[in-house]
Amino acid sequence: MLIAKFISYLPFKVIYILSYLLYLLIFYLYKYRIGTVHKNLRQAFPEKKEAYIDHVTRQFYRHFSNLALEVIKAHSMSAETFKERCSIVGADALEAASLGRSRPIIVLTIHQGNWEWMLHGVSQHLGVPIDPVYKPLHHKGWNQFIHKIRSRFHSRPIPMKRAGRDILKCKSGFRLFVMLADQTPVEGERSYWVPYLNKEAPFYLGAEKIALLTQYPVFFAQCRRLKPGYYELEFKTLALPPYENTKDQNHHPIIDAYVSAAQAAIYEQPETFLWSHRRWKRNRKSDE
């Protein structure tokens, strides 16, 4: 991790030179998960010609390379730099839903744009603690490095296994609980299957369950890339309390609203979505 820490202190100009070299390496030489990326893009855009798929693929790998170096750069970025490079849209609706900053908000997002920068960008603009819910990485060193980045500026990363209990304890005060809710549920865990980018995919129900129990407002955070190194985060309302828990296993309006917002964000800026993720590696029959 010493090399990563050293890289984080390099100027942005050098960071993007390294990013371009990384792009050449993973796209042209190593061809990192290129089969998965092509398969996912063809599924999401069945009406598009191959030239479009190839174009988005190249743009995705350019963004992916930038993202990798930007995440490392986040280790040493100042609060002022996060605020300058991450603008916010829709903060008024978020503030209103918090009832004068008296209650927490659940924020659902996807692997698009730069989800690591957005945590601290929001924190600096709104002056509010961010509690990201995360899945620990398998590599111990990288897990510690990323955890340290996410813990900056009084943020408090919460392991997914502890998220429910932890969030239920925080019933007052203005905090944002952020969940990357497009992650694939582990096998054996109850999932909600819904059409997603032209194929059924399973989604965690945890975020909706927590919202029903806490009666917290739920927002979607869409991260747009404006240009290399600059992002805009827009908050969109998904659901506002009071909620009625019908206990209908086929009725999940918060998840439905999330999936709809996620798809719209992906189709708006497809090259910044994480297409290398094997989102459809499970099938519904194996879960039944």
C-alpha atoms as a PDB file:
ATOM      1  CA  MET A   1       0.000   0.000   0.000  1.00  0.00           C
ATOM      2  CA  LEU A   2       3.041   2.272   0.206  1.00  0.00           C
ATOM      3  CA  ILE A   3       3.004   2.695  -3.585  1.00  0.00           C
ATOM      4  CA  ALA A   4      -0.699   3.648  -3.507  1.00  0.00           C
ATOM      5  CA  LYS A   5      -0.063   6.208  -0.770  1.00  0.00           C
ATOM      6  CA  PHE A   6       2.833   7.673  -2.783  1.00  0.00           C
ATOM      7  CA  ILE A   7       0.663   7.904  -5.917  1.00  0.00           C
ATOM      8  CA  SER A   8      -2.051   9.713  -3.963  1.00  0.00           C
ATOM      9  CA  TYR A   9       0.276  12.688  -3.424  1.00  0.00           C
ATOM     10  CA  LEU A  10       1.062  13.125  -7.131  1.00  0.00           C
ATOM     11  CA  PRO A  11      -0.467  16.134  -8.963  1.00  0.00           C
ATOM     12  CA  PHE A  12      -3.686  15.518 -10.896  1.00  0.00           C
ATOM     13  CA  LYS A  13      -1.843  16.035 -14.185  1.00  0.00           C
ATOM     14  CA  VAL A  14       0.437  13.089 -13.397  1.00  0.00           C
ATOM     15  CA  ILE A  15      -2.510  11.049 -12.070  1.00  0.00           C
ATOM     16  CA  TYR A  16      -4.235  11.255 -15.476  1.00  0.00           C
ATOM     17  CA  ILE A  17      -1.052  10.379 -17.358  1.00  0.00           C
ATOM     18  CA  LEU A  18      -0.823   7.228 -15.231  1.00  0.00           C
ATOM     19  CA  SER A  19      -4.515   6.635 -15.844  1.00  0.00           C
ATOM     20  CA  TYR A  20      -3.988   6.641 -19.613  1.00  0.00           C
ATOM     21  CA  LEU A  21      -1.126   4.159 -19.283  1.00  0.00           C
ATOM     22  CA  LEU A  22      -3.366   1.954 -17.134  1.00  0.00           C
ATOM     23  CA  TYR A  23      -6.061   2.154 -19.840  1.00  0.00           C
ATOM     24  CA  LEU A  24      -3.612   0.932 -22.491  1.00  0.00           C
ATOM     25  CA  LEU A  25      -2.570  -1.912 -20.213  1.00  0.00           C
ATOM     26  CA  ILE A  26      -5.975  -3.241 -19.150  1.00  0.00           C
ATOM     27  CA  PHE A  27      -7.819  -2.658 -22.433  1.00  0.00           C
ATOM     28  CA  TYR A  28      -5.313  -3.469 -25.165  1.00  0.00           C
ATOM     29  CA  LEU A  29      -2.872  -5.813 -23.438  1.00  0.00           C
ATOM     30  CA  TYR A  30      -4.601  -7.549 -20.538  1.00  0.00           C
ATOM     31  CA  LYS A  31      -8.189  -7.179 -21.902  1.00  0.00           C
ATOM     32  CA  TYR A  32      -9.526  -7.132 -18.338  1.00  0.00           C
ATOM     33  CA  ARG A  33     -13.037  -8.702 -18.286  1.00  0.00           C
ATOM     34  CA  ILE A  34     -13.678  -7.423 -21.799  1.00  0.00           C
ATOM     35  CA  GLY A  35     -15.945 -10.399 -22.544  1.00  0.00           C
ATOM     36  CA  THR A  36     -18.120  -9.553 -19.538  1.00  0.00           C
ATOM     37  CA  VAL A  37     -18.282  -5.870 -20.522  1.00  0.00           C
ATOM     38  CA  HIS A  38     -19.333  -6.668 -24.104  1.00  0.00           C
ATOM     39  CA  LYS A  39     -21.938  -9.186 -22.946  1.00  0.00           C
ATOM     40  CA  ASN A  40     -23.470  -6.757 -20.451  1.00  0.00           C
ATOM     41  CA  LEU A  41     -23.561  -3.886 -22.951  1.00  0.00           C
ATOM     42  CA  ARG A  42     -25.188  -6.008 -25.677  1.00  0.00           C
ATOM     43  CA  GLN A  43     -27.814  -7.075 -23.182  1.00  0.00           C
ATOM     44  CA  ALA A  44     -28.512  -3.514 -22.022  1.00  0.00           C
ATOM     45  CA  PHE A  45     -28.566  -2.065 -25.556  1.00  0.00           C
ATOM     46  CA  PRO A  46     -29.968  -4.799 -27.843  1.00  0.00           C
ATOM     47  CA  GLU A  47     -31.083  -2.216 -30.419  1.00  0.00           C
ATOM     48  CA  LYS A  48     -27.595  -0.686 -30.813  1.00  0.00           C
ATOM     49  CA  LYS A  49     -25.101  -1.611 -33.513  1.00  0.00           C
ATOM     50  CA  GLU A  50     -21.731  -3.159 -32.731  1.00  0.00           C
ATOM     51  CA  ALA A  51     -19.952   0.126 -33.442  1.00  0.00           C
ATOM     52  CA  TYR A  52     -21.855   1.715 -30.533  1.00  0.00           C
ATOM     53  CA  ILE A  53     -20.994  -1.188 -28.223  1.00  0.00           C
ATOM     54  CA  ASP A  54     -17.307  -0.881 -29.133  1.00  0.00           C
ATOM     55  CA  HIS A  55     -17.379   2.892 -28.566  1.00  0.00           C
ATOM     56  CA  VAL A  56     -18.988   2.622 -25.114  1.00  0.00           C
ATOM     57  CA  THR A  57     -16.582  -0.192 -24.238  1.00  0.00           C
ATOM     58  CA  ARG A  58     -13.543   2.000 -24.952  1.00  0.00           C
ATOM     59  CA  GLN A  59     -15.083   4.933 -23.087  1.00  0.00           C
ATOM     60  CA  PHE A  60     -15.857   2.651 -20.142  1.00  0.00           C
ATOM     61  CA  TYR A  61     -12.243   1.492 -19.863  1.00  0.00           C
ATOM     62  CA  ARG A  62     -11.020   5.098 -20.033  1.00  0.00           C
ATOM     63  CA  HIS A  63     -13.356   6.014 -17.194  1.00  0.00           C
ATOM     64  CA  PHE A  64     -12.515   2.852 -15.250  1.00  0.00           C
ATOM     65  CA  SER A  65      -8.814   3.714 -15.452  1.00  0.00           C
ATOM     66  CA  ASN A  66      -9.487   7.271 -14.286  1.00  0.00           C
ATOM     67  CA  LEU A  67     -11.634   5.946 -11.455  1.00  0.00           C
ATOM     68  CA  ALA A  68      -8.932   3.581 -10.204  1.00  0.00           C
ATOM     69  CA  LEU A  69      -6.384   6.400  -9.934  1.00  0.00           C
ATOM     70  CA  GLU A  70      -8.947   8.869  -8.563  1.00  0.00           C
ATOM     71  CA  VAL A  71      -9.839   6.480  -5.744  1.00  0.00           C
ATOM     72  CA  ILE A  72      -6.163   6.259  -4.813  1.00  0.00           C
ATOM     73  CA  LYS A  73      -5.874  10.065  -5.047  1.00  0.00           C
ATOM     74  CA  ALA A  74      -8.751  10.358  -2.528  1.00  0.00           C
ATOM     75  CA  HIS A  75      -6.343   9.200   0.192  1.00  0.00           C
ATOM     76  CA  SER A  76      -4.675  12.621   0.253  1.00  0.00           C
ATOM     77  CA  MET A  77      -7.268  15.008  -1.217  1.00  0.00           C
ATOM     78  CA  SER A  78      -8.251  17.959   0.947  1.00  0.00           C
ATOM     79  CA  ALA A  79     -11.803  18.823   1.974  1.00  0.00           C
ATOM     80  CA  GLU A  80     -11.643  21.878  -0.293  1.00  0.00           C
ATOM     81  CA  THR A  81     -10.638  19.756  -3.291  1.00  0.00           C
ATOM     82  CA  PHE A  82     -13.516  17.326  -2.769  1.00  0.00           C
ATOM     83  CA  LYS A  83     -15.931  20.253  -2.547  1.00  0.00           C
ATOM     84  CA  GLU A  84     -14.510  21.882  -5.685  1.00  0.00           C
ATOM     85  CA  ARG A  85     -14.618  18.734  -7.793  1.00  0.00           C
ATOM     86  CA  CYS A  86     -17.988  17.327  -6.636  1.00  0.00           C
ATOM     87  CA  SER A  87     -21.003  19.610  -7.099  1.00  0.00           C
ATOM     88  CA  ILE A  88     -24.437  18.864  -5.606  1.00  0.00           C
ATOM     89  CA  VAL A  89     -27.967  19.102  -7.072  1.00  0.00           C
ATOM     90  CA  GLY A  90     -31.179  18.480  -5.122  1.00  0.00           C
ATOM     91  CA  ALA A  91     -29.837  19.271  -1.665  1.00  0.00           C
ATOM     92  CA  ASP A  92     -32.955  21.323  -0.836  1.00  0.00           C
ATOM     93  CA  ALA A  93     -35.233  18.288  -1.134  1.00  0.00           C
ATOM     94  CA  LEU A  94     -32.841  16.305   1.039  1.00  0.00           C
ATOM     95  CA  GLU A  95     -32.811  18.990   3.721  1.00  0.00           C
ATOM     96  CA  ALA A  96     -36.614  19.258   3.656  1.00  0.00           C
ATOM     97  CA  ALA A  97     -37.020  15.499   4.058  1.00  0.00           C
ATOM     98  CA  SER A  98     -34.762  15.560   7.121  1.00  0.00           C
ATOM     99  CA  LEU A  99     -37.316  17.805   8.913  1.00  0.00           C
ATOM    100  CA  GLY A 100     -34.852  20.506   9.827  1.00  0.00           C
ATOM    101  CA  ARG A 101     -31.925  18.100  10.120  1.00  0.00           C
ATOM    102  CA  SER A 102     -33.705  16.165  12.839  1.00  0.00           C
ATOM    103  CA  ARG A 103     -33.672  12.689  11.266  1.00  0.00           C
ATOM    104  CA  PRO A 104     -31.384  10.525   9.109  1.00  0.00           C
ATOM    105  CA  ILE A 105     -31.805   9.874   5.384  1.00  0.00           C
ATOM    106  CA  ILE A 106     -31.220   6.620   3.502  1.00  0.00           C
ATOM    107  CA  VAL A 107     -29.401   7.223   0.212  1.00  0.00           C
ATOM    108  CA  LEU A 108     -29.265   4.468  -2.416  1.00  0.00           C
ATOM    109  CA  THR A 109     -26.864   4.677  -5.319  1.00  0.00           C
ATOM    110  CA  ILE A 110     -25.133   2.516  -7.938  1.00  0.00           C
ATOM    111  CA  HIS A 111     -21.607   1.838  -9.158  1.00  0.00           C
ATOM    112  CA  GLN A 112     -21.513   4.802 -11.497  1.00  0.00           C
ATOM    113  CA  GLY A 113     -19.304   7.867 -11.765  1.00  0.00           C
ATOM    114  CA  ASN A 114     -17.026   8.087  -8.739  1.00  0.00           C
ATOM    115  CA  TRP A 115     -18.914   6.770  -5.719  1.00  0.00           C
ATOM    116  CA  GLU A 116     -15.869   7.184  -3.457  1.00  0.00           C
ATOM    117  CA  TRP A 117     -15.408  10.899  -4.139  1.00  0.00           C
ATOM    118  CA  MET A 118     -19.119  11.539  -3.871  1.00  0.00           C
ATOM    119  CA  LEU A 119     -19.173  10.470  -0.204  1.00  0.00           C
ATOM    120  CA  HIS A 120     -16.791  13.215   0.849  1.00  0.00           C
ATOM    121  CA  GLY A 121     -18.091  15.722  -1.701  1.00  0.00           C
ATOM    122  CA  VAL A 122     -21.556  15.533  -0.141  1.00  0.00           C
ATOM    123  CA  SER A 123     -20.100  15.681   3.352  1.00  0.00           C
ATOM    124  CA  GLN A 124     -18.250  18.912   2.571  1.00  0.00           C
ATOM    125  CA  HIS A 125     -21.168  20.606   0.811  1.00  0.00           C
ATOM    126  CA  LEU A 126     -23.796  19.721   3.405  1.00  0.00           C
ATOM    127  CA  GLY A 127     -21.666  19.578   6.544  1.00  0.00           C
ATOM    128  CA  VAL A 128     -23.181  16.227   7.485  1.00  0.00           C
ATOM    129  CA  PRO A 129     -21.575  12.893   8.418  1.00  0.00           C
ATOM    130  CA  ILE A 130     -21.781  10.158   5.777  1.00  0.00           C
ATOM    131  CA  ASP A 131     -22.102   6.531   6.876  1.00  0.00           C
ATOM    132  CA  PRO A 132     -21.428   4.292   3.858  1.00  0.00           C
ATOM    133  CA  VAL A 133     -22.562   0.672   4.097  1.00  0.00           C
ATOM    134  CA  TYR A 134     -19.953  -1.582   2.485  1.00  0.00           C
ATOM    135  CA  LYS A 135     -18.938  -5.127   1.677  1.00  0.00           C
ATOM    136  CA  PRO A 136     -15.374  -5.781   2.946  1.00  0.00           C
ATOM    137  CA  LEU A 137     -12.887  -6.505   0.157  1.00  0.00           C
ATOM    138  CA  HIS A 138     -11.219  -9.900   0.052  1.00  0.00           C
ATOM    139  CA  HIS A 139      -7.707  -8.406  -0.123  1.00  0.00           C
ATOM    140  CA  LYS A 140      -6.843  -7.320   3.430  1.00  0.00           C
ATOM    141  CA  GLY A 141      -4.424  -4.565   2.418  1.00  0.00           C
ATOM    142  CA  TRP A 142      -6.781  -2.932  -0.095  1.00  0.00           C
ATOM    143  CA  ASN A 143      -9.700  -3.305   2.305  1.00  0.00           C
ATOM    144  CA  GLN A 144      -7.785  -1.349   4.966  1.00  0.00           C
ATOM    145  CA  PHE A 145      -6.712   1.278   2.410  1.00  0.00           C
ATOM    146  CA  ILE A 146     -10.264   1.830   1.122  1.00  0.00           C
ATOM    147  CA  HIS A 147     -11.669   1.806   4.671  1.00  0.00           C
ATOM    148  CA  LYS A 148      -9.232   4.569   5.621  1.00  0.00           C
ATOM    149  CA  ILE A 149     -10.336   6.655   2.620  1.00  0.00           C
ATOM    150  CA  ARG A 150     -14.014   6.195   3.479  1.00  0.00           C
ATOM    151  CA  SER A 151     -13.382   7.068   7.139  1.00  0.00           C
ATOM    152  CA  ARG A 152     -12.054  10.548   6.419  1.00  0.00           C
ATOM    153  CA  PHE A 153     -13.893  13.701   7.597  1.00  0.00           C
ATOM    154  CA  HIS A 154     -15.766  11.882  10.387  1.00  0.00           C
ATOM    155  CA  SER A 155     -17.445   9.387   8.052  1.00  0.00           C
ATOM    156  CA  ARG A 156     -18.186   6.019   9.624  1.00  0.00           C
ATOM    157  CA  PRO A 157     -18.159   3.033   7.241  1.00  0.00           C
ATOM    158  CA  ILE A 158     -20.574   0.276   8.333  1.00  0.00           C
ATOM    159  CA  PRO A 159     -20.039  -3.389   7.336  1.00  0.00           C
ATOM    160  CA  MET A 160     -23.121  -4.728   5.565  1.00  0.00           C
ATOM    161  CA  LYS A 161     -23.687  -7.433   8.177  1.00  0.00           C
ATOM    162  CA  ARG A 162     -24.017  -4.753  10.886  1.00  0.00           C
ATOM    163  CA  ALA A 163     -25.919  -2.180   8.867  1.00  0.00           C
ATOM    164  CA  GLY A 164     -29.447  -2.966  10.042  1.00  0.00           C
ATOM    165  CA  ARG A 165     -28.661  -2.887  13.760  1.00  0.00           C
ATOM    166  CA  ASP A 166     -26.421   0.161  13.434  1.00  0.00           C
ATOM    167  CA  ILE A 167     -28.916   2.254  11.463  1.00  0.00           C
ATOM    168  CA  LEU A 168     -31.769   1.362  13.815  1.00  0.00           C
ATOM    169  CA  LYS A 169     -29.766   2.823  16.708  1.00  0.00           C
ATOM    170  CA  CYS A 170     -29.424   6.241  15.043  1.00  0.00           C
ATOM    171  CA  LYS A 171     -32.989   7.518  15.232  1.00  0.00           C
ATOM    172  CA  SER A 172     -32.282  11.224  15.475  1.00  0.00           C
ATOM    173  CA  GLY A 173     -29.886  13.732  13.982  1.00  0.00           C
ATOM    174  CA  PHE A 174     -29.051  14.433  10.359  1.00  0.00           C
ATOM    175  CA  ARG A 175     -26.908  11.645   8.897  1.00  0.00           C
ATOM    176  CA  LEU A 176     -26.813  10.046   5.465  1.00  0.00           C
ATOM    177  CA  PHE A 177     -26.703   6.246   5.317  1.00  0.00           C
ATOM    178  CA  VAL A 178     -25.384   5.460   1.836  1.00  0.00           C
ATOM    179  CA  MET A 179     -25.817   2.041   0.231  1.00  0.00           C
ATOM    180  CA  LEU A 180     -24.513   0.810  -3.121  1.00  0.00           C
ATOM    181  CA  ALA A 181     -27.673  -1.220  -3.548  1.00  0.00           C
ATOM    182  CA  ASP A 182     -26.872  -2.708  -6.968  1.00  0.00           C
ATOM    183  CA  GLN A 183     -24.562  -5.336  -5.508  1.00  0.00           C
ATOM    184  CA  THR A 184     -25.547  -8.949  -6.107  1.00  0.00           C
ATOM    185  CA  PRO A 185     -27.072 -10.675  -3.050  1.00  0.00           C
ATOM    186  CA  VAL A 186     -25.196 -13.730  -1.810  1.00  0.00           C
ATOM    187  CA  GLU A 187     -26.669 -17.104  -2.705  1.00  0.00           C
ATOM    188  CA  GLY A 188     -29.141 -18.400  -0.163  1.00  0.00           C
ATOM    189  CA  GLU A 189     -30.262 -14.917   0.880  1.00  0.00           C
ATOM    190  CA  ARG A 190     -33.812 -13.922   0.007  1.00  0.00           C
ATOM    191  CA  SER A 191     -33.793 -11.652  -3.021  1.00  0.00           C
ATOM    192  CA  TYR A 192     -36.278  -9.644  -5.028  1.00  0.00           C
ATOM    193  CA  TRP A 193     -36.071 -10.441  -8.733  1.00  0.00           C
ATOM    194  CA  VAL A 194     -36.911  -7.605 -11.098  1.00  0.00           C
ATOM    195  CA  PRO A 195     -36.193  -6.768 -14.769  1.00  0.00           C
ATOM    196  CA  TYR A 196     -32.975  -4.758 -14.887  1.00  0.00           C
ATOM    197  CA  LEU A 197     -31.287  -3.705 -18.134  1.00  0.00           C
ATOM    198  CA  ASN A 198     -33.336  -6.228 -20.132  1.00  0.00           C
ATOM    199  CA  LYS A 199     -32.787  -9.218 -17.864  1.00  0.00           C
ATOM    200  CA  GLU A 200     -34.086 -10.281 -14.462  1.00  0.00           C
ATOM    201  CA  ALA A 201     -31.634  -9.628 -11.633  1.00  0.00           C
ATOM    202  CA  PRO A 202     -31.817 -10.162  -7.858  1.00  0.00           C
ATOM    203  CA  PHE A 203     -31.746  -7.217  -5.449  1.00  0.00           C
ATOM    204  CA  TYR A 204     -31.223  -6.981  -1.716  1.00  0.00           C
ATOM    205  CA  LEU A 205     -34.343  -6.197   0.299  1.00  0.00           C
ATOM    206  CA  GLY A 206     -32.379  -4.850   3.252  1.00  0.00           C
ATOM    207  CA  ALA A 207     -32.631  -1.160   2.306  1.00  0.00           C
ATOM    208  CA  GLU A 208     -36.412  -1.321   1.997  1.00  0.00           C
ATOM    209  CA  LYS A 209     -36.767  -3.284   5.242  1.00  0.00           C
ATOM    210  CA  ILE A 210     -34.701  -0.681   7.098  1.00  0.00           C
ATOM    211  CA  ALA A 211     -36.793   2.149   5.600  1.00  0.00           C
ATOM    212  CA  LEU A 212     -40.028   0.469   6.716  1.00  0.00           C
ATOM    213  CA  LEU A 213     -38.718  -0.084  10.235  1.00  0.00           C
ATOM    214  CA  THR A 214     -37.218   3.376  10.719  1.00  0.00           C
ATOM    215  CA  GLN A 215     -39.633   5.418   8.584  1.00  0.00           C
ATOM    216  CA  TYR A 216     -36.632   7.284   7.139  1.00  0.00           C
ATOM    217  CA  PRO A 217     -36.901   9.051   3.754  1.00  0.00           C
ATOM    218  CA  VAL A 218     -35.160   7.288   0.857  1.00  0.00           C
ATOM    219  CA  PHE A 219     -33.288   9.119  -1.906  1.00  0.00           C
ATOM    220  CA  PHE A 220     -31.394   8.054  -5.022  1.00  0.00           C
ATOM    221  CA  ALA A 221     -27.997   9.631  -5.683  1.00  0.00           C
ATOM    222  CA  GLN A 222     -27.024   9.881  -9.352  1.00  0.00           C
ATOM    223  CA  CYS A 223     -23.360  10.612  -9.994  1.00  0.00           C
ATOM    224  CA  ARG A 224     -22.561  12.211 -13.371  1.00  0.00           C
ATOM    225  CA  ARG A 225     -19.089  12.782 -14.744  1.00  0.00           C
ATOM    226  CA  LEU A 226     -18.849  16.351 -16.035  1.00  0.00           C
ATOM    227  CA  LYS A 227     -15.259  15.994 -17.257  1.00  0.00           C
ATOM    228  CA  PRO A 228     -12.217  14.035 -16.042  1.00  0.00           C
ATOM    229  CA  GLY A 229     -11.853  14.703 -12.328  1.00  0.00           C
ATOM    230  CA  TYR A 230     -15.158  16.569 -11.918  1.00  0.00           C
ATOM    231  CA  TYR A 231     -18.537  15.116 -10.943  1.00  0.00           C
ATOM    232  CA  GLU A 232     -22.091  16.219 -10.196  1.00  0.00           C
ATOM    233  CA  LEU A 233     -24.258  14.397  -7.688  1.00  0.00           C
ATOM    234  CA  GLU A 234     -28.034  14.755  -7.965  1.00  0.00           C
ATOM    235  CA  PHE A 235     -30.400  13.653  -5.190  1.00  0.00           C
ATOM    236  CA  LYS A 236     -33.766  12.295  -6.326  1.00  0.00           C
ATOM    237  CA  THR A 237     -36.624  11.336  -4.021  1.00  0.00           C
ATOM    238  CA  LEU A 238     -37.510   7.634  -4.090  1.00  0.00           C
ATOM    239  CA  ALA A 239     -39.904   7.401  -1.144  1.00  0.00           C
ATOM    240  CA  LEU A 240     -41.102   9.510   1.774  1.00  0.00           C
ATOM    241  CA  PRO A 241     -42.737   8.258   4.992  1.00  0.00           C
ATOM    242  CA  PRO A 242     -45.133   7.227   6.320  1.00  0.00           C
ATOM    243  CA  TYR A 243     -44.773   3.785   4.760  1.00  0.00           C
ATOM    244  CA  GLU A 244     -47.266   0.957   5.041  1.00  0.00           C
ATOM    245  CA  ASN A 245     -45.737  -2.492   5.467  1.00  0.00           C
ATOM    246  CA  THR A 246     -48.133  -4.762   3.574  1.00  0.00           C
ATOM    247  CA  LYS A 247     -45.890  -7.833   4.032  1.00  0.00           C
ATOM    248  CA  ASP A 248     -46.660  -8.720   0.414  1.00  0.00           C
ATOM    249  CA  GLN A 249     -43.580 -10.596  -0.838  1.00  0.00           C
ATOM    250  CA  ASN A 250     -44.241  -9.412  -4.392  1.00  0.00           C
ATOM    251  CA  HIS A 251     -44.742  -5.745  -3.489  1.00  0.00           C
ATOM    252  CA  HIS A 252     -41.547  -3.735  -3.019  1.00  0.00           C
ATOM    253  CA  PRO A 253     -42.210  -0.155  -4.198  1.00  0.00           C
ATOM    254  CA  ILE A 254     -38.970   1.299  -2.824  1.00  0.00           C
ATOM    255  CA  ILE A 255     -36.842  -1.263  -4.664  1.00  0.00           C
ATOM    256  CA  ASP A 256     -38.925  -0.776  -7.820  1.00  0.00           C
ATOM    257  CA  ALA A 257     -38.372   2.992  -7.628  1.00  0.00           C
ATOM    258  CA  TYR A 258     -34.647   2.432  -7.065  1.00  0.00           C
ATOM    259  CA  VAL A 259     -34.292   0.115 -10.062  1.00  0.00           C
ATOM    260  CA  SER A 260     -36.157   2.585 -12.272  1.00  0.00           C
ATOM    261  CA  ALA A 261     -33.885   5.454 -11.188  1.00  0.00           C
ATOM    262  CA  ALA A 262     -30.790   3.271 -11.601  1.00  0.00           C
ATOM    263  CA  GLN A 263     -31.690   2.305 -15.162  1.00  0.00           C
ATOM    264  CA  ALA A 264     -32.398   5.912 -16.130  1.00  0.00           C
ATOM    265  CA  ALA A 265     -29.008   6.982 -14.754  1.00  0.00           C
ATOM    266  CA  ILE A 266     -27.203   4.200 -16.617  1.00  0.00           C
ATOM    267  CA  TYR A 267     -28.872   4.963 -19.944  1.00  0.00           C
ATOM    268  CA  GLU A 268     -28.062   8.662 -19.518  1.00  0.00           C
ATOM    269  CA  GLN A 269     -24.314   8.064 -19.112  1.00  0.00           C
ATOM    270  CA  PRO A 270     -23.547   4.401 -19.833  1.00  0.00           C
ATOM    271  CA  GLU A 271     -19.775   4.740 -20.095  1.00  0.00           C
ATOM    272  CA  THR A 272     -19.452   5.598 -16.383  1.00  0.00           C
ATOM    273  CA  PHE A 273     -21.300   2.511 -15.101  1.00  0.00           C
ATOM    274  CA  LEU A 274     -19.358  -0.517 -13.801  1.00  0.00           C
ATOM    275  CA  TRP A 275     -20.015  -2.921 -16.700  1.00  0.00           C
ATOM    276  CA  SER A 276     -17.210  -5.264 -15.601  1.00  0.00           C
ATOM    277  CA  HIS A 277     -19.352  -6.344 -12.625  1.00  0.00           C
ATOM    278  CA  ARG A 278     -20.967  -9.777 -13.141  1.00  0.00           C
ATOM    279  CA  ARG A 279     -24.417  -8.559 -12.127  1.00  0.00           C
ATOM    280  CA  TRP A 280     -26.312 -11.411 -13.813  1.00  0.00           C
ATOM    281  CA  LYS A 281     -24.195 -14.382 -12.728  1.00  0.00           C
ATOM    282  CA  ARG A 282     -27.188 -15.979 -10.964  1.00  0.00           C
ATOM    283  CA  ASN A 283     -30.453 -17.176 -12.427  1.00  0.00           C
ATOM    284  CA  ARG A 284     -33.853 -17.216 -10.798  1.00  0.00           C
ATOM    285  CA  LYS A 285     -34.409 -20.973 -11.132  1.00  0.00           C
ATOM    286  CA  SER A 286     -31.420 -21.740  -8.905  1.00  0.00           C
ATOM    287  CA  ASP A 287     -33.011 -19.640  -6.132  1.00  0.00           C
ATOM    288  CA  GLU A 288     -36.378 -21.365  -6.243  1.00  0.00           C
END
